Amino acid sequence: MSPDPQRPPRRRAPVAATPMAFARAIALGYRLRGADPAAALREAGLGSADLLDAQARLTSLPFERLALRAMRELDDEALGWFTRRLPWGSYGMLARASLTAPTLGVALARWCRHHALLTDEVVLTLERDGAVARLTLHERVAPGAALADVAERAILREFAHVSLLRNALGLSAWWIDARLPLLELDLAFAPPAHADVHALLFPGARLRYHAARTEARLAAAVLDEPLRRDEAALRAMLPQAIRLMVRPYRHDRLLLERARLALRAQPGADTAQLAALLHVSPRTLQRQLAAAGTTLHALRERVRQELAEQHLLRTTWPVKRIAAAVGYASDKSFLRAFRAWTGCSPAAWRERARRAAGDDIGAC
């Protein structure tokens, strides 16, 4: 039976993926601050008995509301992880202090350094080791150490470790408006009953538990990406900043421009090669280009034409050298492509362009 064209498509129901243990960790943060979480839990549709169901899950929206209310009520954006509160606005201050950095590597290193000014109980460091960058969490005082119950300490500690990494990585993705190429994630605790959520929060990373330290490793090339946000964008983001901690970054609006720049450097790149340069999967690359209304073939041909015309206008290179420079294996293939682009040969185009001396080239 075909769908009714007059009926709007059904909206997909939100997936309940956030483990109840994270809501329980927030309630433990209330206890550490000497406060009652009951009202905040009710607003999220939860009761104290719900927190004990290790198999239960929440959708992201009620959890975000719970976390946001707790941060405001406790005046602690760390939600009880550290002995000293991190007052409301602390993480916004860190984001603002790094916004003027020229690259992601500088911004993230600055964020880690400034985070140590807020607390030295857990310190984050960024190191670049060849093709791999390491974001490491150094634990001097375990989050939740003041809790007497071993299971409760484990819940709060895991929530703190995961949230700290999500804060740093989520903000980094927002800064460059692209998903980060995660490689591996070491977690300094045993896999909990809800371990599957870690793969959702850190997509693409190979997970390892019982590690000596919690550490995320990613492709170091991403640290050279420039920041693509300004103060106005930061002000618009901060009221919803909790989403960077809860949800993996999904936007990649600038991928088309990044693909174009990558093709200018390697105009002969195929789908797999270009995807590797952009730190995305080939399927993601194809989907994103389709969403932007183009294909890799069309984008590559436009870039090749731009490069060919620049070389013809600015150099005295022979056609064979230009063909190789724009990614063609033979000058004959290049000649056919150039005629399809412009309607004339490279030699005729160069002559007309130089004769025009900066004026309209006109038809070939």
Protein backbone atom coordinates (compact mmCIF):
# COMPACT_ATOMS: atom_id res chain seq x y z
CA MET A 1 0.00 0.00 0.00
CA SER A 2 1.50 3.34 -1.06
CA PRO A 3 1.76 6.16 1.51
CA ASP A 4 -0.91 8.85 1.57
CA PRO A 5 0.65 11.94 -0.11
CA GLN A 6 -1.58 14.19 2.02
CA ARG A 7 -0.35 12.73 5.30
CA PRO A 8 2.88 14.19 6.69
CA PRO A 9 5.67 11.66 7.29
CA ARG A 10 5.86 10.25 10.77
CA ARG A 11 8.56 11.66 12.98
CA ARG A 12 10.94 9.03 14.25
CA ALA A 13 10.54 8.45 17.97
CA PRO A 14 13.57 9.50 20.05
CA VAL A 15 15.81 6.62 21.06
CA ALA A 16 16.29 6.03 24.78
CA ALA A 17 20.05 5.50 24.91
CA THR A 18 21.25 7.45 27.97
CA PRO A 19 21.81 4.98 30.83
CA MET A 20 19.92 5.51 34.08
CA ALA A 21 23.30 5.31 35.82
CA PHE A 22 24.10 8.80 34.51
CA ALA A 23 20.92 10.19 36.10
CA ARG A 24 21.86 8.38 39.30
CA ALA A 25 25.31 10.02 39.15
CA ILE A 26 23.64 13.42 39.05
CA ALA A 27 21.54 12.50 42.09
CA LEU A 28 24.76 11.50 43.87
CA GLY A 29 26.17 14.92 43.01
CA TYR A 30 23.20 16.48 44.85
CA ARG A 31 23.98 14.35 47.88
CA LEU A 32 27.64 15.42 47.87
CA ARG A 33 26.51 19.05 47.84
CA GLY A 34 24.01 18.45 50.66
CA ALA A 35 20.98 19.02 48.42
CA ASP A 36 17.83 17.07 47.54
CA PRO A 37 17.44 15.93 43.90
CA ALA A 38 13.75 15.04 44.20
CA ALA A 39 12.35 18.09 42.39
CA ALA A 40 14.87 17.83 39.56
CA LEU A 41 14.13 14.12 39.16
CA ARG A 42 10.38 14.75 39.06
CA GLU A 43 10.86 17.32 36.31
CA ALA A 44 12.67 14.64 34.31
CA GLY A 45 9.84 12.17 34.99
CA LEU A 46 11.89 10.09 37.42
CA GLY A 47 11.56 8.87 40.97
CA SER A 48 14.27 7.68 43.30
CA ALA A 49 13.30 4.04 42.65
CA ASP A 50 13.89 4.51 38.91
CA LEU A 51 17.55 5.28 39.55
CA LEU A 52 18.17 1.75 40.80
CA ASP A 53 17.12 0.09 37.52
CA ALA A 54 20.47 -0.62 35.89
CA GLN A 55 18.81 -1.64 32.61
CA ALA A 56 16.67 1.49 32.19
CA ARG A 57 17.48 4.16 29.62
CA LEU A 58 16.47 7.79 29.07
CA THR A 59 16.07 9.80 25.90
CA SER A 60 18.50 12.68 25.62
CA LEU A 61 16.05 15.54 26.21
CA PRO A 62 14.91 14.70 29.78
CA PHE A 63 18.49 13.89 30.73
CA GLU A 64 19.68 17.24 29.36
CA ARG A 65 16.99 19.00 31.38
CA LEU A 66 18.02 17.10 34.51
CA ALA A 67 21.71 17.91 34.05
CA LEU A 68 21.03 21.57 33.26
CA ARG A 69 18.79 22.04 36.30
CA ALA A 70 21.35 20.32 38.54
CA MET A 71 24.16 22.56 37.30
CA ARG A 72 22.11 25.66 38.05
CA GLU A 73 20.71 24.52 41.39
CA LEU A 74 24.04 23.30 42.68
CA ASP A 75 25.95 26.13 40.98
CA ASP A 76 28.34 23.40 39.89
CA GLU A 77 28.93 22.54 36.24
CA ALA A 78 31.00 19.55 37.39
CA LEU A 79 27.95 18.03 39.14
CA GLY A 80 29.83 17.03 42.27
CA TRP A 81 32.87 15.48 40.61
CA PHE A 82 35.37 17.70 42.41
CA THR A 83 35.77 18.90 45.97
CA ARG A 84 35.40 22.49 44.83
CA ARG A 85 32.42 23.59 42.76
CA LEU A 86 32.86 24.74 39.20
CA PRO A 87 30.38 27.66 39.27
CA TRP A 88 27.82 28.20 36.54
CA GLY A 89 29.59 29.62 33.49
CA SER A 90 32.96 27.95 34.13
CA TYR A 91 33.01 25.89 30.94
CA GLY A 92 31.69 28.80 28.93
CA MET A 93 34.64 30.82 30.19
CA LEU A 94 37.03 28.09 29.01
CA ALA A 95 35.41 28.04 25.57
CA ARG A 96 35.62 31.82 25.26
CA ALA A 97 39.28 31.87 26.34
CA SER A 98 40.18 29.48 23.50
CA LEU A 99 38.01 31.00 20.77
CA THR A 100 40.81 33.20 19.38
CA ALA A 101 43.21 30.28 18.83
CA PRO A 102 44.38 29.86 15.22
CA THR A 103 43.98 26.07 15.17
CA LEU A 104 42.14 23.35 17.04
CA GLY A 105 45.40 22.08 18.53
CA VAL A 106 46.15 25.44 20.12
CA ALA A 107 42.54 25.86 21.30
CA LEU A 108 42.30 22.42 22.88
CA ALA A 109 45.70 22.69 24.58
CA ARG A 110 44.64 26.07 25.95
CA TRP A 111 41.34 24.59 27.17
CA CYS A 112 43.18 21.81 29.01
CA ARG A 113 45.61 24.26 30.60
CA HIS A 114 42.84 26.57 31.75
CA HIS A 115 40.81 23.65 33.09
CA ALA A 116 43.66 23.00 35.55
CA LEU A 117 43.04 26.47 36.97
CA LEU A 118 39.53 25.38 37.95
CA THR A 119 40.59 22.11 39.57
CA ASP A 120 43.77 20.08 39.88
CA GLU A 121 42.00 16.92 41.06
CA VAL A 122 41.60 15.78 37.46
CA VAL A 123 43.96 17.25 34.86
CA LEU A 124 43.64 16.90 31.08
CA THR A 125 46.60 17.08 28.73
CA LEU A 126 46.95 17.10 24.94
CA GLU A 127 50.01 15.57 23.30
CA ARG A 128 50.85 15.07 19.65
CA ASP A 129 52.80 11.93 18.79
CA GLY A 130 53.36 11.72 15.05
CA ALA A 131 50.05 10.96 13.36
CA VAL A 132 48.22 10.46 16.66
CA ALA A 133 47.00 13.03 19.22
CA ARG A 134 46.36 11.95 22.80
CA LEU A 135 43.83 13.64 25.08
CA THR A 136 44.61 12.14 28.49
CA LEU A 137 42.82 12.41 31.81
CA HIS A 138 45.20 12.35 34.80
CA GLU A 139 43.35 11.52 37.99
CA ARG A 140 44.85 12.88 41.21
CA VAL A 141 41.69 12.61 43.31
CA ALA A 142 39.05 10.23 41.97
CA PRO A 143 35.66 11.86 41.33
CA GLY A 144 33.23 10.57 43.95
CA ALA A 145 36.00 9.60 46.37
CA ALA A 146 33.95 11.09 49.24
CA LEU A 147 31.16 8.53 48.70
CA ALA A 148 31.28 5.57 51.08
CA ASP A 149 29.57 3.06 48.79
CA VAL A 150 31.94 1.41 46.28
CA ALA A 151 29.26 1.03 43.60
CA GLU A 152 28.23 4.66 43.92
CA ARG A 153 31.84 5.80 43.65
CA ALA A 154 32.20 3.79 40.44
CA ILE A 155 29.04 5.32 38.95
CA LEU A 156 30.08 8.90 39.65
CA ARG A 157 33.66 8.30 38.53
CA GLU A 158 32.61 6.80 35.20
CA PHE A 159 30.14 9.64 34.60
CA ALA A 160 32.84 12.22 35.34
CA HIS A 161 35.44 10.61 33.06
CA VAL A 162 33.01 10.20 30.16
CA SER A 163 31.58 13.71 30.60
CA LEU A 164 34.97 15.40 30.77
CA LEU A 165 36.03 13.79 27.50
CA ARG A 166 32.69 14.55 25.87
CA ASN A 167 33.00 18.19 26.98
CA ALA A 168 36.43 18.58 25.42
CA LEU A 169 35.74 16.57 22.27
CA GLY A 170 32.24 17.97 21.74
CA LEU A 171 33.52 21.54 22.00
CA SER A 172 36.40 20.70 19.66
CA ALA A 173 33.98 19.37 17.04
CA TRP A 174 31.88 22.51 17.43
CA TRP A 175 34.93 24.77 17.05
CA ILE A 176 35.81 23.30 13.64
CA ASP A 177 32.23 22.34 12.69
CA ALA A 178 33.20 18.76 11.89
CA ARG A 179 33.24 15.39 13.54
CA LEU A 180 36.54 14.32 15.05
CA PRO A 181 38.47 11.29 13.72
CA LEU A 182 38.58 9.21 16.89
CA LEU A 183 40.85 6.18 16.75
CA GLU A 184 40.94 4.60 20.20
CA LEU A 185 39.51 5.22 23.65
CA ASP A 186 41.05 3.84 26.83
CA LEU A 187 38.78 3.86 29.88
CA ALA A 188 40.20 3.51 33.38
CA PHE A 189 37.34 1.38 34.72
CA ALA A 190 35.63 -1.92 34.14
CA PRO A 191 32.90 -2.08 31.49
CA PRO A 192 29.57 -1.26 33.18
CA ALA A 193 26.25 -2.87 32.36
CA HIS A 194 25.54 -0.02 29.95
CA ALA A 195 28.95 -0.20 28.20
CA ASP A 196 27.26 -0.09 24.78
CA VAL A 197 26.56 3.62 25.28
CA HIS A 198 30.27 4.42 25.11
CA ALA A 199 30.35 3.43 21.44
CA LEU A 200 27.48 5.88 20.83
CA LEU A 201 29.18 8.72 22.69
CA PHE A 202 32.56 8.13 21.04
CA PRO A 203 31.71 6.87 17.53
CA GLY A 204 34.51 5.32 15.55
CA ALA A 205 36.82 4.72 18.51
CA ARG A 206 38.11 1.28 19.41
CA LEU A 207 37.29 0.86 23.12
CA ARG A 208 39.56 -0.65 25.78
CA TYR A 209 38.60 -0.99 29.45
CA HIS A 210 40.69 -1.51 32.61
CA ALA A 211 43.24 0.99 31.25
CA ALA A 212 45.80 2.73 33.44
CA ARG A 213 44.37 6.11 32.40
CA THR A 214 41.35 7.36 30.51
CA GLU A 215 42.63 8.60 27.16
CA ALA A 216 41.17 9.42 23.75
CA ARG A 217 43.41 9.06 20.69
CA LEU A 218 42.54 10.74 17.41
CA ALA A 219 44.15 11.55 14.07
CA ALA A 220 46.59 14.36 14.79
CA ALA A 221 45.96 16.08 11.45
CA VAL A 222 42.66 17.39 12.78
CA LEU A 223 44.58 19.59 15.25
CA ASP A 224 45.71 21.72 12.30
CA GLU A 225 42.11 22.60 11.40
CA PRO A 226 41.29 26.30 11.85
CA LEU A 227 38.53 27.35 14.25
CA ARG A 228 35.39 28.31 12.35
CA ARG A 229 33.40 30.01 15.11
CA ASP A 230 33.17 33.56 16.41
CA GLU A 231 31.84 35.29 19.52
CA ALA A 232 28.31 35.53 18.12
CA ALA A 233 28.27 31.78 17.43
CA LEU A 234 29.57 31.11 20.94
CA ARG A 235 26.80 33.19 22.54
CA ALA A 236 24.22 31.28 20.52
CA MET A 237 25.74 27.90 21.46
CA LEU A 238 26.23 28.33 25.21
CA PRO A 239 22.55 28.06 26.24
CA GLN A 240 22.49 24.59 24.60
CA ALA A 241 26.08 23.62 25.49
CA ILE A 242 24.88 20.61 27.48
CA ARG A 243 24.15 18.90 24.15
CA LEU A 244 27.85 18.85 23.32
CA MET A 245 28.34 16.64 26.38
CA VAL A 246 25.34 14.37 25.77
CA ARG A 247 25.18 13.95 21.99
CA PRO A 248 27.89 13.15 19.43
CA TYR A 249 28.49 16.03 17.04
CA ARG A 250 26.49 15.45 13.86
CA HIS A 251 26.84 18.62 11.82
CA ASP A 252 29.43 18.85 9.08
CA ARG A 253 28.22 21.83 7.10
CA LEU A 254 31.72 22.75 5.97
CA LEU A 255 32.63 19.35 4.56
CA LEU A 256 31.97 20.52 0.98
CA GLU A 257 34.46 23.37 1.36
CA ARG A 258 36.98 21.09 3.06
CA ALA A 259 36.57 18.57 0.23
CA ARG A 260 37.17 21.29 -2.34
CA LEU A 261 40.36 22.42 -0.58
CA ALA A 262 41.59 18.84 -0.27
CA LEU A 263 40.99 18.27 -3.98
CA ARG A 264 43.00 21.37 -4.84
CA ALA A 265 45.94 19.71 -3.08
CA GLN A 266 45.24 16.24 -4.57
CA PRO A 267 42.99 16.74 -7.63
CA GLY A 268 43.26 13.10 -8.65
CA ALA A 269 42.00 11.71 -5.31
CA ASP A 270 39.33 9.03 -5.53
CA THR A 271 36.50 8.54 -3.02
CA ALA A 272 38.52 6.45 -0.56
CA GLN A 273 41.54 8.76 -0.70
CA LEU A 274 39.47 11.92 -0.24
CA ALA A 275 37.49 10.38 2.62
CA ALA A 276 40.76 9.52 4.38
CA LEU A 277 42.00 13.09 3.93
CA LEU A 278 38.77 14.41 5.49
CA HIS A 279 38.70 11.78 8.30
CA VAL A 280 35.26 10.46 7.32
CA SER A 281 34.06 7.20 5.82
CA PRO A 282 33.54 6.99 2.03
CA ARG A 283 29.81 6.46 2.62
CA THR A 284 29.62 9.57 4.81
CA LEU A 285 31.49 11.58 2.20
CA GLN A 286 29.12 10.51 -0.56
CA ARG A 287 26.07 11.21 1.61
CA GLN A 288 27.29 14.67 2.61
CA LEU A 289 28.13 15.64 -0.96
CA ALA A 290 24.71 14.45 -2.11
CA ALA A 291 23.07 16.53 0.61
CA ALA A 292 25.00 19.53 -0.73
CA GLY A 293 23.63 18.82 -4.22
CA THR A 294 26.79 17.51 -5.86
CA THR A 295 28.91 14.40 -6.41
CA LEU A 296 32.61 13.73 -6.07
CA HIS A 297 32.95 13.55 -9.85
CA ALA A 298 31.29 16.94 -10.37
CA LEU A 299 33.24 18.58 -7.56
CA ARG A 300 36.54 17.13 -8.77
CA GLU A 301 35.91 18.33 -12.33
CA ARG A 302 35.16 21.88 -11.13
CA VAL A 303 38.35 21.93 -9.08
CA ARG A 304 40.39 20.56 -11.99
CA GLN A 305 39.02 23.23 -14.30
CA GLU A 306 39.84 25.99 -11.80
CA LEU A 307 43.38 24.70 -11.36
CA ALA A 308 43.92 24.21 -15.11
CA GLU A 309 42.81 27.75 -15.90
CA GLN A 310 45.05 29.15 -13.15
CA HIS A 311 48.07 27.27 -14.49
CA LEU A 312 47.35 28.35 -18.06
CA LEU A 313 47.01 31.98 -17.04
CA ARG A 314 49.87 32.25 -14.53
CA THR A 315 52.54 29.89 -15.91
CA THR A 316 54.19 28.93 -19.18
CA TRP A 317 53.89 25.22 -18.42
CA PRO A 318 53.22 22.95 -21.39
CA VAL A 319 49.87 21.17 -21.56
CA LYS A 320 51.37 17.83 -20.55
CA ARG A 321 52.68 19.29 -17.26
CA ILE A 322 49.35 20.99 -16.50
CA ALA A 323 47.49 17.74 -17.21
CA ALA A 324 49.62 15.94 -14.63
CA ALA A 325 49.26 18.80 -12.12
CA VAL A 326 45.46 18.58 -12.21
CA GLY A 327 45.38 14.80 -11.82
CA TYR A 328 45.17 13.43 -15.38
CA ALA A 329 47.25 10.42 -16.38
CA SER A 330 47.47 11.54 -20.02
CA ASP A 331 47.37 14.85 -21.84
CA LYS A 332 44.80 13.43 -24.27
CA SER A 333 42.30 12.86 -21.45
CA PHE A 334 42.98 16.36 -20.19
CA LEU A 335 42.44 17.90 -23.66
CA ARG A 336 39.06 16.17 -24.00
CA ALA A 337 38.00 17.30 -20.52
CA PHE A 338 39.15 20.89 -21.10
CA ARG A 339 37.19 21.14 -24.34
CA ALA A 340 34.10 19.85 -22.49
CA TRP A 341 34.58 22.52 -19.80
CA THR A 342 35.31 25.54 -22.00
CA GLY A 343 34.55 24.66 -25.62
CA CYS A 344 38.12 25.26 -26.77
CA SER A 345 41.63 23.89 -26.44
CA PRO A 346 43.99 24.87 -23.57
CA ALA A 347 46.27 26.69 -26.04
CA ALA A 348 43.37 28.74 -27.45
CA TRP A 349 42.06 29.53 -23.98
CA ARG A 350 45.51 30.68 -22.82
CA GLU A 351 45.98 32.92 -25.85
CA ARG A 352 42.59 34.57 -25.48
CA ALA A 353 43.05 35.00 -21.71
CA ARG A 354 46.41 36.68 -22.07
CA ARG A 355 45.18 38.86 -24.93
CA ALA A 356 42.29 39.99 -22.81
CA ALA A 357 44.79 41.07 -20.10
CA GLY A 358 42.31 40.80 -17.30
CA ASP A 359 39.17 41.73 -19.30
CA ASP A 360 36.35 39.35 -20.20
CA ILE A 361 37.89 36.38 -22.05
CA GLY A 362 34.94 35.94 -24.35
CA ALA A 363 33.92 32.82 -26.24
CA CYS A 364 36.46 30.45 -27.78
